Amino acid sequence: MKVESNNFIPAAQIAIGDADLQTAVSRGTSGLFAKRQAAMTAFGAAHGEAMRQQAAAIKRYALNHLPELLQQAEAAMQANGIQVLWATDADEANQHVVDIAQRHGVQSVVKSKSMVTEETGLNHVLEAAGMDVLETDLGEFIVQLGGETPSHIVAPIAHKTKSSIRDLLIAKTGMPPSDDVLDMTNHARTYLRQKFLDADMGVTGGNFILAETGTICLLMNEGNGRMVTNLPRVHVALVGIEKVIPTVEDYAMLTQVLPRSATGQNMAVYMHMVNGPRRAEDEDGPEHVYVILLDNGRSDIYNTDYAESLACIRCGACLNGCPVYQSAGGHAYGWVYSGPIGAVLTPLFKGLENATPLPYASSLCGMCKAVCPVDIDIPRMLLDLRYDLVEQGLTDKIWDVGMKAWAFGNRSPGLFDMGGKAASLARGMMPKTLPGPLRGWTDYRTPPHFAKKSFRQLWQERQKAKSDH
């Protein structure tokens, strides 16, 4: 997927002016956020926070022991009959999938929801190799019909209204006209059913890989994931190396926080665990199972102060609580991952020079950290990325000049006092719109009302009054 993150500001401006998008995103994110809050409140504040810290500790331990856990997971998966491949980058991962498909004579591919295959651009590669590729998660299916990309980690069509979904289904799949959500869902299910039966290969991601048992874990709310992993004769799971965790007990803990944080559910509807290909006594299941462990820049991040970002379990809670995401929507971020975690991951994966606006796409309100089920300090990393932008000379030159002037004035008590007095004299004459490059500030903010007296003057007067008494 092409990176367009440097267009964040104009893209966000367009999104803010799109009434339908604003309605859809507001309704979707506010609903998910409220459900998450209710689910966590039901636990009680103390228990909910303890559970969050336990989940965070599991992910931190897994990251701190990642090399040995990956080796353990590889050995366990191979013992289960799973063929394990490693991919340094997106191109190598995609080529592995194409090679597997061609080796097994695959013509049709069905997929369940996977952000990592969006990251590698797998669909386009398979289509270019002559295969039919179909997304089977309902949201991803709608996105594919519209020739779009997902706008939310958990809710791919958070940007779409019911009427736009209806129109797509009518135009692309021949659905009889209906505004009823149940009719749309039933039509999509019927449309997809035969595709599952005809598919040669199923492609999934993986929420977690258990190192001790070599198990691929998938959490889903739709039955498509089980269809994708059981009906085709070949199953390929493309999974980031950071998804490995030590034990089944750790998995049980993380399944307590992931559904609650993502959709406000006590548990996912389907918790699917893949332990290998079909055995002789099994009635169904794939004949071949492959796991491709993807690096694609993760090792580089692992060796920096941003390694904490790899603890993300892709719940989307930070998006639902973020005022910037709620205004800009997901597509404005310009790559696969959006919202606060996307503002961290995109610069790390694709380079700061290709995502310079994203570290500033935050009010630093801290809601993202407060709702994160594994307690990732996103605000700290956004501030660090801003520092990196300055250090690497990637900030706007006018901004640099302005900040240097501000720093110079604040280092000089005389200049600072003079500026304060000038502002006090000019109060009431402040224009609502500043000229030139300063207009970018007043376009989105109410100009400040300068006080008649500065804090320093008031303090001095108070101290003098005290001494006089």
Protein backbone atom coordinates (compact mmCIF):
# COMPACT_ATOMS: atom_id res chain seq x y z
CA MET A 1 0.00 0.00 0.00
CA LYS A 2 1.38 3.38 -1.02
CA VAL A 3 2.26 5.70 1.86
CA GLU A 4 0.44 9.04 1.67
CA SER A 5 0.88 10.17 5.26
CA ASN A 6 2.51 13.47 4.31
CA ASN A 7 -0.89 14.48 2.91
CA PHE A 8 -2.49 14.14 6.33
CA ILE A 9 -3.46 17.79 6.79
CA PRO A 10 -5.27 18.30 3.44
CA ALA A 11 -6.80 14.82 3.71
CA ALA A 12 -8.06 15.61 7.21
CA GLN A 13 -9.52 18.90 6.00
CA ILE A 14 -11.46 17.05 3.30
CA ALA A 15 -12.66 14.48 5.84
CA ILE A 16 -13.83 17.18 8.25
CA GLY A 17 -15.92 18.69 5.46
CA ASP A 18 -17.53 15.37 4.53
CA ALA A 19 -20.83 15.26 6.44
CA ASP A 20 -21.51 11.58 5.71
CA LEU A 21 -18.05 10.53 6.85
CA GLN A 22 -18.35 12.60 10.02
CA THR A 23 -21.68 10.99 10.82
CA ALA A 24 -20.37 7.47 10.20
CA VAL A 25 -17.11 7.87 12.13
CA SER A 26 -18.75 9.65 15.05
CA ARG A 27 -21.47 7.03 15.37
CA GLY A 28 -19.05 4.13 15.05
CA THR A 29 -16.30 5.33 17.37
CA SER A 30 -18.59 6.72 20.06
CA GLY A 31 -20.56 3.48 20.13
CA LEU A 32 -17.46 1.31 20.44
CA PHE A 33 -15.95 3.62 23.05
CA ALA A 34 -19.11 3.54 25.17
CA LYS A 35 -19.25 -0.26 24.98
CA ARG A 36 -15.62 -0.52 26.00
CA GLN A 37 -16.20 1.78 28.97
CA ALA A 38 -19.24 -0.23 30.07
CA ALA A 39 -17.37 -3.53 29.78
CA MET A 40 -14.43 -2.28 31.84
CA THR A 41 -16.69 -0.60 34.41
CA ALA A 42 -18.47 -3.91 34.95
CA PHE A 43 -15.18 -5.28 36.24
CA GLY A 44 -14.76 -2.49 38.75
CA ALA A 45 -11.98 0.08 38.50
CA ALA A 46 -9.43 -1.78 40.62
CA HIS A 47 -9.92 -5.17 38.98
CA GLY A 48 -10.03 -3.67 35.49
CA GLU A 49 -6.75 -1.83 36.02
CA ALA A 50 -5.12 -4.92 37.56
CA MET A 51 -6.19 -6.95 34.54
CA ARG A 52 -4.78 -4.29 32.21
CA GLN A 53 -1.43 -4.28 34.00
CA GLN A 54 -1.29 -8.08 33.90
CA ALA A 55 -1.91 -8.04 30.14
CA ALA A 56 0.77 -5.37 29.76
CA ALA A 57 3.24 -7.49 31.73
CA ILE A 58 2.58 -10.49 29.46
CA LYS A 59 3.32 -8.48 26.34
CA ARG A 60 6.40 -6.84 27.86
CA TYR A 61 7.75 -10.24 28.87
CA ALA A 62 7.08 -11.58 25.38
CA LEU A 63 8.92 -8.68 23.77
CA ASN A 64 11.84 -8.93 26.20
CA HIS A 65 12.21 -12.63 25.32
CA LEU A 66 11.16 -12.41 21.68
CA PRO A 67 14.14 -14.18 20.02
CA GLU A 68 13.89 -17.29 22.18
CA LEU A 69 10.08 -17.35 22.04
CA LEU A 70 10.19 -17.23 18.25
CA GLN A 71 12.58 -20.18 18.18
CA GLN A 72 10.36 -22.09 20.61
CA ALA A 73 7.26 -21.28 18.53
CA GLU A 74 8.93 -22.39 15.30
CA ALA A 75 9.95 -25.74 16.80
CA ALA A 76 6.48 -26.32 18.28
CA MET A 77 4.70 -25.45 15.03
CA GLN A 78 6.96 -27.72 13.01
CA ALA A 79 6.26 -30.53 15.48
CA ASN A 80 2.55 -29.95 14.79
CA GLY A 81 3.07 -30.36 11.05
CA ILE A 82 2.97 -26.63 10.27
CA GLN A 83 5.49 -25.44 7.70
CA VAL A 84 7.20 -22.28 9.00
CA LEU A 85 8.68 -19.65 6.71
CA TRP A 86 10.38 -16.36 7.57
CA ALA A 87 10.04 -13.09 5.66
CA THR A 88 12.37 -10.13 6.02
CA ASP A 89 10.03 -7.71 4.27
CA ALA A 90 6.68 -7.42 2.51
CA ASP A 91 8.02 -8.51 -0.87
CA GLU A 92 9.49 -11.72 0.53
CA ALA A 93 6.28 -12.49 2.44
CA ASN A 94 4.14 -11.97 -0.65
CA GLN A 95 6.46 -14.11 -2.74
CA HIS A 96 6.21 -16.92 -0.19
CA VAL A 97 2.41 -16.85 -0.52
CA VAL A 98 2.57 -16.82 -4.33
CA ASP A 99 5.03 -19.73 -4.32
CA ILE A 100 2.79 -21.74 -1.99
CA ALA A 101 -0.26 -21.02 -4.14
CA GLN A 102 1.49 -22.04 -7.35
CA ARG A 103 2.94 -25.17 -5.74
CA HIS A 104 -0.58 -26.32 -4.84
CA GLY A 105 -2.29 -25.20 -8.04
CA VAL A 106 -4.38 -22.55 -6.31
CA GLN A 107 -6.82 -20.54 -8.41
CA SER A 108 -9.13 -19.03 -5.79
CA VAL A 109 -8.21 -17.51 -2.42
CA VAL A 110 -10.46 -16.51 0.47
CA LYS A 111 -9.18 -14.31 3.28
CA SER A 112 -10.24 -13.42 6.78
CA LYS A 113 -9.51 -10.03 8.30
CA SER A 114 -5.78 -9.30 8.46
CA MET A 115 -4.05 -5.95 8.90
CA VAL A 116 -0.67 -7.49 8.14
CA THR A 117 -1.78 -8.55 4.64
CA GLU A 118 -2.89 -4.95 4.12
CA GLU A 119 0.60 -3.97 5.26
CA THR A 120 2.23 -6.18 2.61
CA GLY A 121 -0.31 -5.46 -0.15
CA LEU A 122 -0.88 -9.19 -0.61
CA ASN A 123 -4.19 -9.00 -2.47
CA HIS A 124 -2.76 -7.08 -5.42
CA VAL A 125 0.19 -9.46 -5.68
CA LEU A 126 -2.03 -12.55 -5.76
CA GLU A 127 -4.34 -10.94 -8.32
CA ALA A 128 -1.35 -10.04 -10.48
CA ALA A 129 -0.34 -13.72 -10.32
CA GLY A 130 -3.71 -14.65 -11.82
CA MET A 131 -5.66 -15.68 -8.73
CA ASP A 132 -9.13 -14.65 -7.58
CA VAL A 133 -8.93 -13.13 -4.10
CA LEU A 134 -11.95 -12.46 -1.91
CA GLU A 135 -12.16 -10.81 1.51
CA THR A 136 -14.74 -12.63 3.61
CA ASP A 137 -14.97 -10.49 6.75
CA LEU A 138 -18.13 -8.47 6.08
CA GLY A 139 -16.44 -5.11 6.59
CA GLU A 140 -13.40 -6.06 4.52
CA PHE A 141 -15.73 -7.47 1.84
CA ILE A 142 -17.50 -4.09 1.59
CA VAL A 143 -14.14 -2.30 1.45
CA GLN A 144 -13.00 -4.60 -1.37
CA LEU A 145 -16.22 -4.04 -3.32
CA GLY A 146 -15.64 -0.30 -3.10
CA GLY A 147 -11.97 -0.50 -4.12
CA GLU A 148 -11.00 1.11 -0.82
CA THR A 149 -8.81 0.28 2.16
CA PRO A 150 -9.91 -0.25 5.79
CA SER A 151 -10.29 2.94 7.82
CA HIS A 152 -10.18 1.36 11.29
CA ILE A 153 -8.20 -1.49 12.83
CA VAL A 154 -11.33 -3.29 14.07
CA ALA A 155 -14.15 -1.71 12.04
CA PRO A 156 -12.93 -1.50 8.41
CA ILE A 157 -16.02 0.39 7.23
CA ALA A 158 -16.19 2.89 10.09
CA HIS A 159 -16.20 5.60 7.39
CA LYS A 160 -19.24 4.30 5.53
CA THR A 161 -22.95 4.93 6.03
CA LYS A 162 -25.65 2.30 5.72
CA SER A 163 -26.90 3.81 2.47
CA SER A 164 -23.45 3.71 0.84
CA ILE A 165 -23.07 0.04 1.84
CA ARG A 166 -26.51 -0.74 0.42
CA ASP A 167 -25.64 0.94 -2.88
CA LEU A 168 -22.39 -1.03 -3.15
CA LEU A 169 -24.10 -4.37 -2.55
CA ILE A 170 -26.75 -3.57 -5.14
CA ALA A 171 -24.22 -2.43 -7.75
CA LYS A 172 -21.53 -5.06 -7.19
CA THR A 173 -23.39 -8.19 -6.09
CA GLY A 174 -26.90 -7.79 -7.48
CA MET A 175 -28.59 -7.51 -4.10
CA PRO A 176 -32.31 -6.72 -4.32
CA PRO A 177 -32.83 -3.14 -3.06
CA SER A 178 -33.30 -3.03 0.71
CA ASP A 179 -32.39 -0.73 3.59
CA ASP A 180 -32.70 -3.50 6.15
CA VAL A 181 -29.36 -4.43 7.75
CA LEU A 182 -30.44 -8.05 8.18
CA ASP A 183 -31.27 -8.30 4.47
CA MET A 184 -27.84 -6.93 3.57
CA THR A 185 -26.08 -9.32 5.94
CA ASN A 186 -28.01 -12.35 4.71
CA HIS A 187 -27.32 -11.44 1.10
CA ALA A 188 -23.59 -11.12 1.79
CA ARG A 189 -23.60 -14.46 3.63
CA THR A 190 -25.31 -16.21 0.71
CA TYR A 191 -22.95 -14.56 -1.77
CA LEU A 192 -19.87 -15.64 0.19
CA ARG A 193 -21.00 -19.19 0.99
CA GLN A 194 -20.20 -20.69 -2.41
CA LYS A 195 -16.90 -18.81 -2.50
CA PHE A 196 -15.81 -20.65 0.64
CA LEU A 197 -16.73 -24.01 -0.86
CA ASP A 198 -14.87 -23.31 -4.11
CA ALA A 199 -11.70 -21.85 -2.57
CA ASP A 200 -8.35 -23.60 -2.90
CA MET A 201 -6.50 -21.57 -0.27
CA GLY A 202 -7.40 -19.62 2.85
CA VAL A 203 -5.26 -16.74 4.11
CA THR A 204 -5.45 -15.35 7.64
CA GLY A 205 -3.43 -13.26 10.01
CA GLY A 206 -3.03 -14.24 13.64
CA ASN A 207 -3.89 -12.45 16.86
CA PHE A 208 -1.37 -14.52 18.79
CA ILE A 209 0.99 -17.46 18.37
CA LEU A 210 1.54 -19.62 21.45
CA ALA A 211 5.21 -20.51 21.78
CA GLU A 212 4.70 -23.50 24.08
CA THR A 213 2.15 -25.30 21.86
CA GLY A 214 2.79 -23.89 18.38
CA THR A 215 -0.83 -22.72 18.13
CA ILE A 216 -2.15 -19.97 15.84
CA CYS A 217 -4.92 -18.06 17.67
CA LEU A 218 -7.65 -16.13 15.87
CA LEU A 219 -10.32 -14.06 17.61
CA MET A 220 -13.35 -13.26 15.45
CA ASN A 221 -16.97 -12.18 15.64
CA GLU A 222 -17.94 -13.70 12.30
CA GLY A 223 -17.81 -17.36 11.30
CA ASN A 224 -15.81 -16.58 8.18
CA GLY A 225 -12.51 -17.23 9.94
CA ARG A 226 -13.38 -20.87 10.59
CA MET A 227 -14.51 -21.26 6.99
CA VAL A 228 -11.24 -19.78 5.72
CA THR A 229 -9.11 -22.05 7.90
CA ASN A 230 -11.12 -25.28 7.53
CA LEU A 231 -12.64 -25.53 4.05
CA PRO A 232 -9.76 -24.81 1.62
CA ARG A 233 -7.08 -27.47 1.28
CA VAL A 234 -4.30 -24.96 2.04
CA HIS A 235 -4.19 -22.50 4.95
CA VAL A 236 -1.56 -19.74 5.08
CA ALA A 237 -1.23 -17.52 8.17
CA LEU A 238 0.83 -14.36 7.72
CA VAL A 239 1.77 -13.12 11.19
CA GLY A 240 4.05 -10.39 12.52
CA ILE A 241 6.90 -11.66 14.67
CA GLU A 242 5.67 -9.57 17.61
CA LYS A 243 2.49 -11.67 17.96
CA VAL A 244 4.19 -14.57 19.76
CA ILE A 245 3.37 -15.01 23.47
CA PRO A 246 4.61 -17.69 25.87
CA THR A 247 1.71 -19.81 27.12
CA VAL A 248 -1.95 -20.79 26.90
CA GLU A 249 -2.47 -19.10 30.27
CA ASP A 250 -1.14 -15.86 28.80
CA TYR A 251 -3.56 -16.25 25.91
CA ALA A 252 -6.45 -16.70 28.33
CA MET A 253 -5.50 -13.46 30.05
CA LEU A 254 -5.21 -11.47 26.82
CA THR A 255 -8.58 -12.74 25.61
CA GLN A 256 -10.06 -11.00 28.65
CA VAL A 257 -8.86 -7.55 27.58
CA LEU A 258 -8.85 -7.69 23.76
CA PRO A 259 -12.60 -8.15 23.09
CA ARG A 260 -13.56 -5.76 25.89
CA SER A 261 -11.25 -3.07 24.53
CA ALA A 262 -12.18 -3.62 20.90
CA THR A 263 -15.96 -4.01 20.92
CA GLY A 264 -17.04 -4.07 24.57
CA GLN A 265 -17.72 -7.82 24.51
CA ASN A 266 -16.84 -10.11 27.40
CA MET A 267 -15.35 -12.50 24.86
CA ALA A 268 -15.08 -12.87 21.11
CA VAL A 269 -17.80 -14.91 19.40
CA TYR A 270 -15.20 -17.25 17.90
CA MET A 271 -11.86 -18.10 19.53
CA HIS A 272 -10.23 -20.30 16.90
CA MET A 273 -7.00 -22.18 17.63
CA VAL A 274 -5.12 -23.82 14.75
CA ASN A 275 -2.71 -26.58 15.75
CA GLY A 276 -1.74 -27.92 12.35
CA PRO A 277 -3.08 -29.62 9.22
CA ARG A 278 -5.84 -32.21 9.15
CA ARG A 279 -5.01 -35.46 10.91
CA ALA A 280 -6.13 -38.89 9.76
CA GLU A 281 -9.04 -38.98 12.21
CA ASP A 282 -10.24 -35.41 11.42
CA GLU A 283 -13.36 -34.93 9.33
CA ASP A 284 -12.31 -31.56 7.96
CA GLY A 285 -9.44 -29.09 7.95
CA PRO A 286 -6.67 -28.13 5.54
CA GLU A 287 -4.19 -30.60 4.13
CA HIS A 288 -1.37 -28.08 4.44
CA VAL A 289 -0.79 -25.26 6.94
CA TYR A 290 1.89 -22.63 6.51
CA VAL A 291 2.90 -19.84 8.87
CA ILE A 292 4.91 -16.94 7.49
CA LEU A 293 6.59 -14.95 10.27
CA LEU A 294 6.99 -11.38 9.03
CA ASP A 295 9.63 -8.90 10.14
CA ASN A 296 9.12 -5.95 7.74
CA GLY A 297 10.89 -3.45 9.99
CA ARG A 298 9.86 -4.91 13.33
CA SER A 299 13.43 -5.89 14.25
CA ASP A 300 14.54 -2.31 13.61
CA ILE A 301 11.81 -0.99 15.92
CA TYR A 302 12.65 -3.68 18.49
CA ASN A 303 16.13 -2.22 18.89
CA THR A 304 14.93 1.34 19.62
CA ASP A 305 13.18 3.23 22.40
CA TYR A 306 9.96 2.63 20.45
CA ALA A 307 9.93 -1.15 21.01
CA GLU A 308 6.93 -0.67 23.30
CA SER A 309 4.79 0.00 20.20
CA LEU A 310 5.20 -3.67 19.22
CA ALA A 311 3.10 -4.64 22.25
CA CYS A 312 -0.03 -3.43 20.41
CA ILE A 313 -2.73 -6.12 20.17
CA ARG A 314 -4.72 -4.23 17.49
CA CYS A 315 -7.88 -3.59 19.53
CA GLY A 316 -8.56 -0.11 18.13
CA ALA A 317 -9.48 1.37 21.52
CA CYS A 318 -7.05 4.27 21.08
CA LEU A 319 -8.77 5.20 17.79
CA ASN A 320 -12.20 5.25 19.40
CA GLY A 321 -11.05 7.58 22.16
CA CYS A 322 -8.97 9.94 20.01
CA PRO A 323 -10.45 13.36 19.11
CA VAL A 324 -8.15 13.62 16.09
CA TYR A 325 -9.21 10.27 14.64
CA GLN A 326 -12.85 11.12 15.32
CA SER A 327 -12.47 14.24 13.17
CA ALA A 328 -10.06 13.06 10.47
CA GLY A 329 -11.18 9.44 10.07
CA GLY A 330 -8.78 6.65 9.22
CA HIS A 331 -7.89 7.24 5.58
CA ALA A 332 -6.35 10.65 6.30
CA TYR A 333 -3.45 8.90 8.06
CA GLY A 334 -2.29 7.66 4.69
CA TRP A 335 -1.27 4.07 5.43
CA VAL A 336 -2.51 0.83 6.97
CA TYR A 337 -2.49 1.85 10.63
CA SER A 338 -4.47 4.90 11.71
CA GLY A 339 -5.27 6.73 14.92
CA PRO A 340 -2.78 7.27 17.75
CA ILE A 341 -1.01 3.92 17.32
CA GLY A 342 -0.85 4.54 13.57
CA ALA A 343 0.73 7.94 14.21
CA VAL A 344 3.53 6.02 15.95
CA LEU A 345 3.80 2.91 13.77
CA THR A 346 3.68 4.57 10.34
CA PRO A 347 6.76 6.77 10.90
CA LEU A 348 8.58 3.78 12.40
CA PHE A 349 7.69 1.38 9.58
CA LYS A 350 7.88 3.78 6.64
CA GLY A 351 10.32 6.45 7.82
CA LEU A 352 9.75 9.79 9.52
CA GLU A 353 10.38 11.62 6.26
CA ASN A 354 7.31 9.89 4.79
CA ALA A 355 5.01 10.69 7.72
CA THR A 356 6.11 14.04 9.13
CA PRO A 357 2.62 15.32 10.13
CA LEU A 358 1.58 12.22 12.09
CA PRO A 359 3.49 12.79 15.36
CA TYR A 360 1.62 16.11 15.56
CA ALA A 361 -1.78 14.48 14.85
CA SER A 362 -2.54 14.37 18.55
CA SER A 363 -3.85 16.69 21.24
CA LEU A 364 -1.70 14.75 23.76
CA CYS A 365 -4.81 14.38 25.92
CA GLY A 366 -3.59 10.94 27.00
CA MET A 367 -6.82 9.08 26.31
CA CYS A 368 -4.99 6.61 24.07
CA LYS A 369 -2.78 5.48 26.95
CA ALA A 370 -5.69 5.45 29.39
CA VAL A 371 -7.73 3.00 27.30
CA CYS A 372 -4.90 0.84 25.95
CA PRO A 373 -5.37 -2.72 27.26
CA VAL A 374 -1.59 -3.22 27.42
CA ASP A 375 -0.77 0.28 28.71
CA ILE A 376 1.34 1.49 25.77
CA ASP A 377 2.62 5.02 26.40
CA ILE A 378 1.63 6.45 23.02
CA PRO A 379 1.85 10.14 24.11
CA ARG A 380 5.47 9.65 25.19
CA MET A 381 6.38 8.11 21.84
CA LEU A 382 4.60 10.88 19.90
CA LEU A 383 6.63 13.47 21.79
CA ASP A 384 9.83 11.52 21.13
CA LEU A 385 8.99 11.35 17.43
CA ARG A 386 8.50 15.13 17.40
CA TYR A 387 11.95 15.46 18.93
CA ASP A 388 13.34 13.16 16.24
CA LEU A 389 11.72 15.28 13.53
CA VAL A 390 13.51 18.37 14.85
CA GLU A 391 16.83 16.53 15.25
CA GLN A 392 16.64 15.21 11.69
CA GLY A 393 15.76 18.61 10.23
CA LEU A 394 12.37 17.43 8.98
CA THR A 395 10.21 20.18 10.49
CA ASP A 396 8.81 23.15 8.58
CA LYS A 397 11.38 25.95 8.20
CA ILE A 398 8.92 28.69 9.17
CA TRP A 399 8.05 26.68 12.27
CA ASP A 400 11.75 26.39 13.10
CA VAL A 401 12.25 30.15 12.80
CA GLY A 402 9.20 30.81 14.96
CA MET A 403 10.32 28.38 17.68
CA LYS A 404 13.83 29.86 17.72
CA ALA A 405 12.36 33.35 18.08
CA TRP A 406 10.11 32.13 20.89
CA ALA A 407 13.04 30.44 22.66
CA PHE A 408 15.20 33.56 22.29
CA GLY A 409 12.47 35.75 23.78
CA ASN A 410 11.80 33.39 26.67
CA ARG A 411 15.48 33.20 27.58
CA SER A 412 15.60 36.98 27.98
CA PRO A 413 13.62 38.37 30.96
CA GLY A 414 13.70 41.83 29.41
CA LEU A 415 12.31 40.73 26.06
CA PHE A 416 9.74 38.50 27.76
CA ASP A 417 8.53 41.41 29.90
CA MET A 418 8.46 43.73 26.89
CA GLY A 419 6.41 41.21 24.90
CA GLY A 420 3.94 40.84 27.76
CA LYS A 421 3.45 44.59 28.04
CA ALA A 422 2.99 44.90 24.28
CA ALA A 423 0.38 42.15 24.33
CA SER A 424 -1.44 43.87 27.19
CA LEU A 425 -1.51 47.18 25.32
CA ALA A 426 -2.74 45.45 22.16
CA ARG A 427 -5.53 43.55 23.90
CA GLY A 428 -8.84 44.13 22.21
CA MET A 429 -7.06 44.81 18.92
CA MET A 430 -6.10 41.18 18.27
CA PRO A 431 -7.49 40.21 14.84
CA LYS A 432 -9.56 37.05 14.60
CA THR A 433 -7.37 35.91 11.71
CA LEU A 434 -3.60 36.38 11.74
CA PRO A 435 -1.76 37.12 8.48
CA GLY A 436 0.62 34.92 6.50
CA PRO A 437 1.84 31.62 7.96
CA LEU A 438 0.34 32.53 11.35
CA ARG A 439 -3.10 32.06 9.83
CA GLY A 440 -2.66 28.31 10.21
CA TRP A 441 -3.01 28.84 13.95
CA THR A 442 -6.10 31.08 13.99
CA ASP A 443 -7.91 29.04 11.32
CA TYR A 444 -8.55 26.36 13.93
CA ARG A 445 -8.21 28.16 17.26
CA THR A 446 -9.81 31.13 18.95
CA PRO A 447 -7.17 33.86 19.43
CA PRO A 448 -6.20 34.31 23.08
CA HIS A 449 -7.58 37.14 25.18
CA PHE A 450 -4.61 38.89 26.74
CA ALA A 451 -5.01 39.92 30.37
CA LYS A 452 -4.66 43.54 31.44
CA LYS A 453 -1.93 42.54 33.86
CA SER A 454 0.50 39.66 33.60
CA PHE A 455 0.90 37.01 36.30
CA ARG A 456 4.28 38.52 37.10
CA GLN A 457 2.75 41.96 37.69
CA LEU A 458 -0.04 40.53 39.84
CA TRP A 459 2.47 38.54 41.88
CA GLN A 460 4.67 41.57 42.46
CA GLU A 461 1.68 43.66 43.52
CA ARG A 462 0.51 40.96 45.93
CA GLN A 463 3.97 40.60 47.48
CA LYS A 464 4.22 44.38 47.87
CA ALA A 465 0.80 44.52 49.51
CA LYS A 466 1.86 41.81 51.97
CA SER A 467 5.07 43.66 52.88
CA ASP A 468 3.17 46.94 53.36
CA HIS A 469 1.01 45.25 55.98
